[in-house]
Amino acid sequence: MADTNEIKLTHSSILSIDGKPYVSVRFDRGSDFAEGSIPEAKIVKSIGFDEDEIKKLEDYLSENSKDLLVRAKDISGITHWF
């Protein structure tokens, strides 16, 4: 049985808006979700997470942005295969 408090993180490859790179990040916990991006480290949309939890998610994004960017580059790097 899945832990209903478990938070799953997924992220995009490196994307671009107006020539500026970013990575879209999503946190899921059951039917709750929060969406944000790096390098801004801001949650822009959420349902089910309270303000304190959103602050913690933003802190996580800020503290782990370099690692997430590396992981996003790995995804971006395989797009030439298709």
N, C-alpha and C. Protein backbone atom coordinates (compact mmCIF):
# COMPACT_ATOMS: atom_id res chain seq x y z
N MET A 1 0.84 -1.18 0.00
CA MET A 1 0.00 0.00 0.00
C MET A 1 0.88 1.25 0.00
N ALA A 2 0.56 2.21 -0.84
CA ALA A 2 1.36 3.43 -0.97
C ALA A 2 1.16 4.34 0.23
N ASP A 3 2.23 5.00 0.63
CA ASP A 3 2.19 5.99 1.71
C ASP A 3 1.52 7.25 1.18
N THR A 4 0.41 7.66 1.80
CA THR A 4 -0.34 8.82 1.31
C THR A 4 0.39 10.14 1.59
N ASN A 5 1.44 10.11 2.42
CA ASN A 5 2.23 11.31 2.68
C ASN A 5 3.46 11.40 1.79
N GLU A 6 3.70 10.36 0.99
CA GLU A 6 4.85 10.35 0.11
C GLU A 6 4.67 11.39 -1.00
N ILE A 7 5.71 12.18 -1.21
CA ILE A 7 5.68 13.20 -2.26
C ILE A 7 6.58 12.74 -3.39
N LYS A 8 6.01 12.73 -4.59
CA LYS A 8 6.75 12.33 -5.78
C LYS A 8 7.12 13.58 -6.57
N LEU A 9 8.38 13.67 -6.98
CA LEU A 9 8.86 14.81 -7.76
C LEU A 9 9.10 14.35 -9.19
N THR A 10 8.60 15.11 -10.14
CA THR A 10 8.91 14.91 -11.55
C THR A 10 9.35 16.25 -12.12
N HIS A 11 10.14 16.19 -13.19
CA HIS A 11 10.61 17.44 -13.79
C HIS A 11 10.77 17.27 -15.29
N SER A 12 10.80 18.38 -15.95
CA SER A 12 10.95 18.40 -17.40
C SER A 12 12.43 18.40 -17.78
N SER A 13 12.65 18.36 -19.07
CA SER A 13 13.99 18.66 -19.58
C SER A 13 14.17 20.18 -19.49
N ILE A 14 15.27 20.70 -19.98
CA ILE A 14 15.47 22.15 -19.97
C ILE A 14 14.60 22.76 -21.07
N LEU A 15 13.77 23.70 -20.65
CA LEU A 15 12.85 24.40 -21.55
C LEU A 15 13.31 25.85 -21.68
N SER A 16 12.63 26.61 -22.52
CA SER A 16 13.03 28.00 -22.72
C SER A 16 11.80 28.87 -22.93
N ILE A 17 11.79 30.03 -22.24
CA ILE A 17 10.78 31.06 -22.47
C ILE A 17 11.54 32.36 -22.71
N ASP A 18 11.27 32.99 -23.83
CA ASP A 18 11.96 34.23 -24.20
C ASP A 18 13.48 34.08 -24.13
N GLY A 19 13.96 32.90 -24.53
CA GLY A 19 15.40 32.65 -24.55
C GLY A 19 16.02 32.34 -23.20
N LYS A 20 15.21 32.28 -22.14
CA LYS A 20 15.73 32.01 -20.81
C LYS A 20 15.42 30.55 -20.44
N PRO A 21 16.45 29.78 -20.05
CA PRO A 21 16.22 28.37 -19.71
C PRO A 21 15.56 28.23 -18.34
N TYR A 22 14.72 27.21 -18.23
CA TYR A 22 14.10 26.87 -16.96
C TYR A 22 13.73 25.39 -16.99
N VAL A 23 13.43 24.85 -15.81
CA VAL A 23 12.97 23.48 -15.67
C VAL A 23 11.66 23.51 -14.91
N SER A 24 10.65 22.88 -15.46
CA SER A 24 9.35 22.77 -14.80
C SER A 24 9.40 21.59 -13.83
N VAL A 25 8.93 21.81 -12.61
CA VAL A 25 8.97 20.79 -11.55
C VAL A 25 7.57 20.60 -10.99
N ARG A 26 7.21 19.34 -10.72
CA ARG A 26 5.90 19.05 -10.15
C ARG A 26 6.07 18.11 -8.97
N PHE A 27 5.36 18.42 -7.89
CA PHE A 27 5.31 17.57 -6.70
C PHE A 27 3.90 17.00 -6.62
N ASP A 28 3.79 15.68 -6.44
CA ASP A 28 2.49 15.02 -6.29
C ASP A 28 2.45 14.26 -4.97
N ARG A 29 1.30 14.35 -4.28
CA ARG A 29 1.05 13.61 -3.05
C ARG A 29 -0.42 13.22 -3.08
N GLY A 30 -0.68 11.99 -3.52
CA GLY A 30 -2.07 11.59 -3.68
C GLY A 30 -2.74 12.50 -4.70
N SER A 31 -3.85 13.13 -4.30
CA SER A 31 -4.53 14.06 -5.22
C SER A 31 -4.02 15.50 -5.10
N ASP A 32 -3.08 15.74 -4.19
CA ASP A 32 -2.48 17.07 -4.03
C ASP A 32 -1.35 17.24 -5.03
N PHE A 33 -1.14 18.47 -5.49
CA PHE A 33 0.01 18.74 -6.36
C PHE A 33 0.47 20.17 -6.20
N ALA A 34 1.72 20.38 -6.57
CA ALA A 34 2.31 21.72 -6.61
C ALA A 34 3.23 21.78 -7.82
N GLU A 35 3.14 22.88 -8.56
CA GLU A 35 3.96 23.06 -9.75
C GLU A 35 4.82 24.31 -9.58
N GLY A 36 6.08 24.17 -9.95
CA GLY A 36 6.99 25.30 -9.87
C GLY A 36 8.06 25.18 -10.93
N SER A 37 9.09 26.01 -10.78
CA SER A 37 10.18 25.96 -11.75
C SER A 37 11.48 26.42 -11.10
N ILE A 38 12.56 26.06 -11.75
CA ILE A 38 13.87 26.57 -11.38
C ILE A 38 14.46 27.21 -12.63
N PRO A 39 15.22 28.25 -12.52
CA PRO A 39 15.94 28.68 -11.33
C PRO A 39 15.15 29.56 -10.36
N GLU A 40 13.91 29.93 -10.67
CA GLU A 40 13.15 30.81 -9.79
C GLU A 40 12.88 30.21 -8.42
N ALA A 41 12.77 28.88 -8.34
CA ALA A 41 12.47 28.17 -7.09
C ALA A 41 11.18 28.67 -6.46
N LYS A 42 10.17 28.85 -7.30
CA LYS A 42 8.87 29.32 -6.84
C LYS A 42 7.78 28.34 -7.25
N ILE A 43 6.85 28.09 -6.34
CA ILE A 43 5.66 27.31 -6.66
C ILE A 43 4.65 28.28 -7.24
N VAL A 44 4.14 27.97 -8.43
CA VAL A 44 3.23 28.88 -9.11
C VAL A 44 1.78 28.40 -9.10
N LYS A 45 1.58 27.11 -8.80
CA LYS A 45 0.23 26.56 -8.76
C LYS A 45 0.24 25.37 -7.81
N SER A 46 -0.79 25.29 -6.96
CA SER A 46 -0.87 24.14 -6.05
C SER A 46 -2.31 23.91 -5.60
N ILE A 47 -2.56 22.67 -5.30
CA ILE A 47 -3.83 22.26 -4.70
C ILE A 47 -3.50 21.24 -3.62
N GLY A 48 -3.94 21.51 -2.40
CA GLY A 48 -3.80 20.56 -1.31
C GLY A 48 -2.59 20.76 -0.42
N PHE A 49 -1.63 21.58 -0.81
CA PHE A 49 -0.47 21.88 0.03
C PHE A 49 -0.74 23.19 0.75
N ASP A 50 -0.44 23.23 2.07
CA ASP A 50 -0.65 24.48 2.81
C ASP A 50 0.57 25.40 2.62
N GLU A 51 0.47 26.63 3.13
CA GLU A 51 1.51 27.63 2.92
C GLU A 51 2.87 27.18 3.45
N ASP A 52 2.88 26.53 4.61
CA ASP A 52 4.13 26.05 5.19
C ASP A 52 4.76 24.98 4.30
N GLU A 53 3.95 24.09 3.78
CA GLU A 53 4.45 23.04 2.88
C GLU A 53 4.99 23.64 1.59
N ILE A 54 4.30 24.64 1.06
CA ILE A 54 4.76 25.30 -0.17
C ILE A 54 6.12 25.97 0.08
N LYS A 55 6.28 26.62 1.22
CA LYS A 55 7.57 27.23 1.57
C LYS A 55 8.66 26.17 1.60
N LYS A 56 8.37 25.01 2.19
CA LYS A 56 9.36 23.92 2.24
C LYS A 56 9.69 23.40 0.84
N LEU A 57 8.69 23.31 -0.02
CA LEU A 57 8.94 22.88 -1.40
C LEU A 57 9.80 23.89 -2.13
N GLU A 58 9.54 25.18 -1.92
CA GLU A 58 10.36 26.22 -2.54
C GLU A 58 11.79 26.18 -2.01
N ASP A 59 11.94 25.94 -0.71
CA ASP A 59 13.28 25.79 -0.14
C ASP A 59 14.00 24.60 -0.77
N TYR A 60 13.27 23.50 -0.96
CA TYR A 60 13.84 22.31 -1.60
C TYR A 60 14.32 22.66 -3.02
N LEU A 61 13.48 23.35 -3.77
CA LEU A 61 13.86 23.74 -5.14
C LEU A 61 15.12 24.60 -5.12
N SER A 62 15.18 25.55 -4.22
CA SER A 62 16.33 26.44 -4.13
C SER A 62 17.60 25.67 -3.77
N GLU A 63 17.50 24.80 -2.78
CA GLU A 63 18.66 24.06 -2.29
C GLU A 63 19.13 22.98 -3.28
N ASN A 64 18.24 22.50 -4.14
CA ASN A 64 18.57 21.40 -5.04
C ASN A 64 18.54 21.80 -6.51
N SER A 65 18.54 23.09 -6.79
CA SER A 65 18.40 23.55 -8.17
C SER A 65 19.53 23.06 -9.07
N LYS A 66 20.77 23.05 -8.57
CA LYS A 66 21.90 22.60 -9.39
C LYS A 66 21.73 21.13 -9.78
N ASP A 67 21.35 20.30 -8.83
CA ASP A 67 21.15 18.87 -9.11
C ASP A 67 20.00 18.67 -10.09
N LEU A 68 18.92 19.40 -9.90
CA LEU A 68 17.78 19.27 -10.81
C LEU A 68 18.14 19.73 -12.23
N LEU A 69 18.95 20.77 -12.34
CA LEU A 69 19.39 21.23 -13.65
C LEU A 69 20.24 20.17 -14.35
N VAL A 70 21.12 19.51 -13.60
CA VAL A 70 21.94 18.44 -14.17
C VAL A 70 21.05 17.30 -14.66
N ARG A 71 20.08 16.93 -13.84
CA ARG A 71 19.16 15.85 -14.23
C ARG A 71 18.33 16.26 -15.45
N ALA A 72 17.93 17.51 -15.52
CA ALA A 72 17.17 18.00 -16.68
C ALA A 72 18.03 18.00 -17.93
N LYS A 73 19.31 18.33 -17.80
CA LYS A 73 20.23 18.30 -18.95
C LYS A 73 20.37 16.89 -19.47
N ASP A 74 20.38 15.89 -18.57
CA ASP A 74 20.46 14.49 -18.99
C ASP A 74 19.26 14.12 -19.86
N ILE A 75 18.08 14.61 -19.49
CA ILE A 75 16.88 14.36 -20.30
C ILE A 75 17.02 15.07 -21.63
N SER A 76 17.46 16.32 -21.61
CA SER A 76 17.61 17.10 -22.83
C SER A 76 18.63 16.46 -23.76
N GLY A 77 19.64 15.83 -23.19
CA GLY A 77 20.69 15.24 -23.98
C GLY A 77 20.27 14.04 -24.81
N ILE A 78 19.17 13.37 -24.43
CA ILE A 78 18.75 12.19 -25.19
C ILE A 78 17.76 12.51 -26.30
N THR A 79 17.33 13.77 -26.39
CA THR A 79 16.32 14.09 -27.41
C THR A 79 16.83 13.89 -28.83
N HIS A 80 18.14 13.90 -29.03
CA HIS A 80 18.67 13.67 -30.37
C HIS A 80 18.48 12.24 -30.82
N TRP A 81 18.12 11.34 -29.91
CA TRP A 81 17.88 9.94 -30.25
C TRP A 81 16.59 9.78 -31.05
N PHE A 82 15.68 10.72 -30.94
CA PHE A 82 14.35 10.55 -31.55
C PHE A 82 14.17 11.34 -32.80
